[in-house]
C-alpha atoms as a PDB file:
ATOM      1  CA  MET A   1       5.977  -5.011  16.668  1.00  0.00           C
ATOM      2  CA  LEU A   2       5.323  -4.497  12.904  1.00  0.00           C
ATOM      3  CA  GLU A   3       8.825  -3.248  12.333  1.00  0.00           C
ATOM      4  CA  SER A   4      10.581  -6.014  13.890  1.00  0.00           C
ATOM      5  CA  SER A   5       8.672  -8.864  12.207  1.00  0.00           C
ATOM      6  CA  LEU A   6       8.837  -7.685   8.646  1.00  0.00           C
ATOM      7  CA  ARG A   7      10.769  -9.803   6.090  1.00  0.00           C
ATOM      8  CA  PRO A   8      10.904  -9.067   2.194  1.00  0.00           C
ATOM      9  CA  THR A   9       9.890 -12.712   1.553  1.00  0.00           C
ATOM     10  CA  ASP A  10       6.621 -12.357   3.330  1.00  0.00           C
ATOM     11  CA  PHE A  11       5.040 -10.344   0.649  1.00  0.00           C
ATOM     12  CA  THR A  12       7.457 -10.884  -2.437  1.00  0.00           C
ATOM     13  CA  GLN A  13       9.064  -7.503  -1.783  1.00  0.00           C
ATOM     14  CA  LYS A  14       6.475  -5.022  -3.067  1.00  0.00           C
ATOM     15  CA  ILE A  15       4.262  -2.708  -1.083  1.00  0.00           C
ATOM     16  CA  LEU A  16       1.915  -0.102  -2.185  1.00  0.00           C
ATOM     17  CA  VAL A  17       1.337   2.816   0.289  1.00  0.00           C
ATOM     18  CA  VAL A  18      -1.676   4.977  -0.220  1.00  0.00           C
ATOM     19  CA  GLU A  19      -1.312   7.913   2.022  1.00  0.00           C
ATOM     20  CA  ASP A  20      -1.898  11.665   1.523  1.00  0.00           C
ATOM     21  CA  ASP A  21       0.350  13.015   4.497  1.00  0.00           C
ATOM     22  CA  PRO A  22       3.876  13.559   3.110  1.00  0.00           C
ATOM     23  CA  SER A  23       5.462  12.978   6.459  1.00  0.00           C
ATOM     24  CA  VAL A  24       3.752   9.709   6.969  1.00  0.00           C
ATOM     25  CA  GLN A  25       4.500   8.756   3.274  1.00  0.00           C
ATOM     26  CA  GLU A  26       8.171   9.342   3.948  1.00  0.00           C
ATOM     27  CA  HIS A  27       8.226   7.518   7.229  1.00  0.00           C
ATOM     28  CA  LEU A  28       6.522   4.419   5.772  1.00  0.00           C
ATOM     29  CA  ARG A  29       8.689   4.493   2.563  1.00  0.00           C
ATOM     30  CA  LYS A  30      11.832   4.605   4.880  1.00  0.00           C
ATOM     31  CA  LEU A  31      10.517   1.974   7.156  1.00  0.00           C
ATOM     32  CA  PHE A  32       9.564  -0.663   4.386  1.00  0.00           C
ATOM     33  CA  SER A  33      12.621   0.213   2.209  1.00  0.00           C
ATOM     34  CA  SER A  34      15.016  -0.376   5.147  1.00  0.00           C
ATOM     35  CA  LYS A  35      13.556  -3.853   5.522  1.00  0.00           C
ATOM     36  CA  GLY A  36      14.360  -4.617   1.817  1.00  0.00           C
ATOM     37  CA  TYR A  37      10.993  -3.987   0.299  1.00  0.00           C
ATOM     38  CA  THR A  38      10.224  -2.102  -3.001  1.00  0.00           C
ATOM     39  CA  VAL A  39       7.765   0.716  -2.051  1.00  0.00           C
ATOM     40  CA  GLN A  40       5.435   2.655  -4.338  1.00  0.00           C
ATOM     41  CA  VAL A  41       3.705   5.610  -2.681  1.00  0.00           C
ATOM     42  CA  VAL A  42       0.672   7.424  -3.942  1.00  0.00           C
ATOM     43  CA  GLY A  43      -1.644   9.887  -2.239  1.00  0.00           C
ATOM     44  CA  ARG A  44      -5.105   9.354  -3.845  1.00  0.00           C
ATOM     45  CA  VAL A  45      -7.493   6.506  -4.480  1.00  0.00           C
ATOM     46  CA  ASP A  46      -7.473   7.122  -8.141  1.00  0.00           C
ATOM     47  CA  GLU A  47      -3.710   6.813  -8.368  1.00  0.00           C
ATOM     48  CA  ALA A  48      -3.865   3.493  -6.443  1.00  0.00           C
ATOM     49  CA  VAL A  49      -6.607   2.115  -8.702  1.00  0.00           C
ATOM     50  CA  HIS A  50      -4.466   3.117 -11.845  1.00  0.00           C
ATOM     51  CA  LEU A  51      -1.363   1.292 -10.287  1.00  0.00           C
ATOM     52  CA  LEU A  52      -3.411  -1.741  -9.276  1.00  0.00           C
ATOM     53  CA  SER A  53      -4.680  -1.994 -12.935  1.00  0.00           C
ATOM     54  CA  VAL A  54      -1.101  -2.296 -14.268  1.00  0.00           C
ATOM     55  CA  GLU A  55       0.948  -3.830 -11.412  1.00  0.00           C
ATOM     56  CA  HIS A  56       0.496  -6.370  -8.707  1.00  0.00           C
ATOM     57  CA  PHE A  57       1.303  -5.447  -5.058  1.00  0.00           C
ATOM     58  CA  PRO A  58       1.120  -8.377  -2.608  1.00  0.00           C
ATOM     59  CA  LEU A  59       0.547  -5.748   0.311  1.00  0.00           C
ATOM     60  CA  ILE A  60      -1.228  -2.472   0.193  1.00  0.00           C
ATOM     61  CA  VAL A  61      -1.092  -0.162   3.145  1.00  0.00           C
ATOM     62  CA  THR A  62      -3.664   2.579   2.994  1.00  0.00           C
ATOM     63  CA  CYS A  63      -4.878   5.540   5.010  1.00  0.00           C
ATOM     64  CA  LEU A  64      -8.654   5.524   5.880  1.00  0.00           C
ATOM     65  CA  ARG A  65      -9.247   9.092   4.750  1.00  0.00           C
ATOM     66  CA  LEU A  66      -7.936  10.260   1.452  1.00  0.00           C
ATOM     67  CA  PRO A  67      -8.679  13.408  -0.579  1.00  0.00           C
ATOM     68  CA  ASP A  68     -10.756  11.635  -3.081  1.00  0.00           C
ATOM     69  CA  GLY A  69     -12.294   8.759  -1.075  1.00  0.00           C
ATOM     70  CA  ASN A  70     -11.193   6.292   1.595  1.00  0.00           C
ATOM     71  CA  GLY A  71      -9.101   3.146   2.197  1.00  0.00           C
ATOM     72  CA  THR A  72     -12.063   0.888   2.340  1.00  0.00           C
ATOM     73  CA  GLU A  73     -12.656   1.791  -1.368  1.00  0.00           C
ATOM     74  CA  ILE A  74      -9.194   0.151  -2.225  1.00  0.00           C
ATOM     75  CA  LEU A  75     -10.249  -2.832  -0.259  1.00  0.00           C
ATOM     76  CA  ASP A  76     -13.452  -3.152  -2.243  1.00  0.00           C
ATOM     77  CA  ILE A  77     -11.484  -2.955  -5.488  1.00  0.00           C
ATOM     78  CA  VAL A  78      -9.070  -5.570  -4.446  1.00  0.00           C
ATOM     79  CA  GLN A  79     -12.001  -7.808  -3.601  1.00  0.00           C
ATOM     80  CA  GLN A  80     -14.012  -7.054  -6.759  1.00  0.00           C
ATOM     81  CA  LYS A  81     -11.097  -7.744  -9.030  1.00  0.00           C
ATOM     82  CA  ASN A  82      -9.928 -10.764  -7.193  1.00  0.00           C
ATOM     83  CA  LEU A  83      -6.534  -9.411  -6.637  1.00  0.00           C
ATOM     84  CA  ARG A  84      -4.322 -11.556  -4.423  1.00  0.00           C
ATOM     85  CA  SER A  85      -3.218  -8.693  -2.122  1.00  0.00           C
ATOM     86  CA  ALA A  86      -3.349  -8.094   1.546  1.00  0.00           C
ATOM     87  CA  VAL A  87      -4.806  -4.738   2.630  1.00  0.00           C
ATOM     88  CA  LEU A  88      -4.003  -2.977   5.788  1.00  0.00           C
ATOM     89  CA  VAL A  89      -6.208   0.080   6.564  1.00  0.00           C
END
C-alpha cells in the first residue's frame, strides 16, 4: 500500500532513511528514488543526528534497532529540536 500511494509532492521530495542493513538500505533507496524522491541513507543514529543538524528532511524512515542506538532516539531529537519532520519507525 505504501508503494502505490507515494508522490514526491507529499513530502517535498526529500527522505532520510536510517537503516543499518545494506540490503534494506538499497531496497528503500530504489523504492523512494523510483517515485521521484531524493533519498539520503545512513546506518547510524549519530550520522542521522549530524545530517538533521545541517539539512531538513520532511520524512525520516528509521529502523528501530541500530548499532549505536534506536529509532526512537531520532524521534526524540526531532521533537526536542522542533523539526518539522514526519518520522516512520
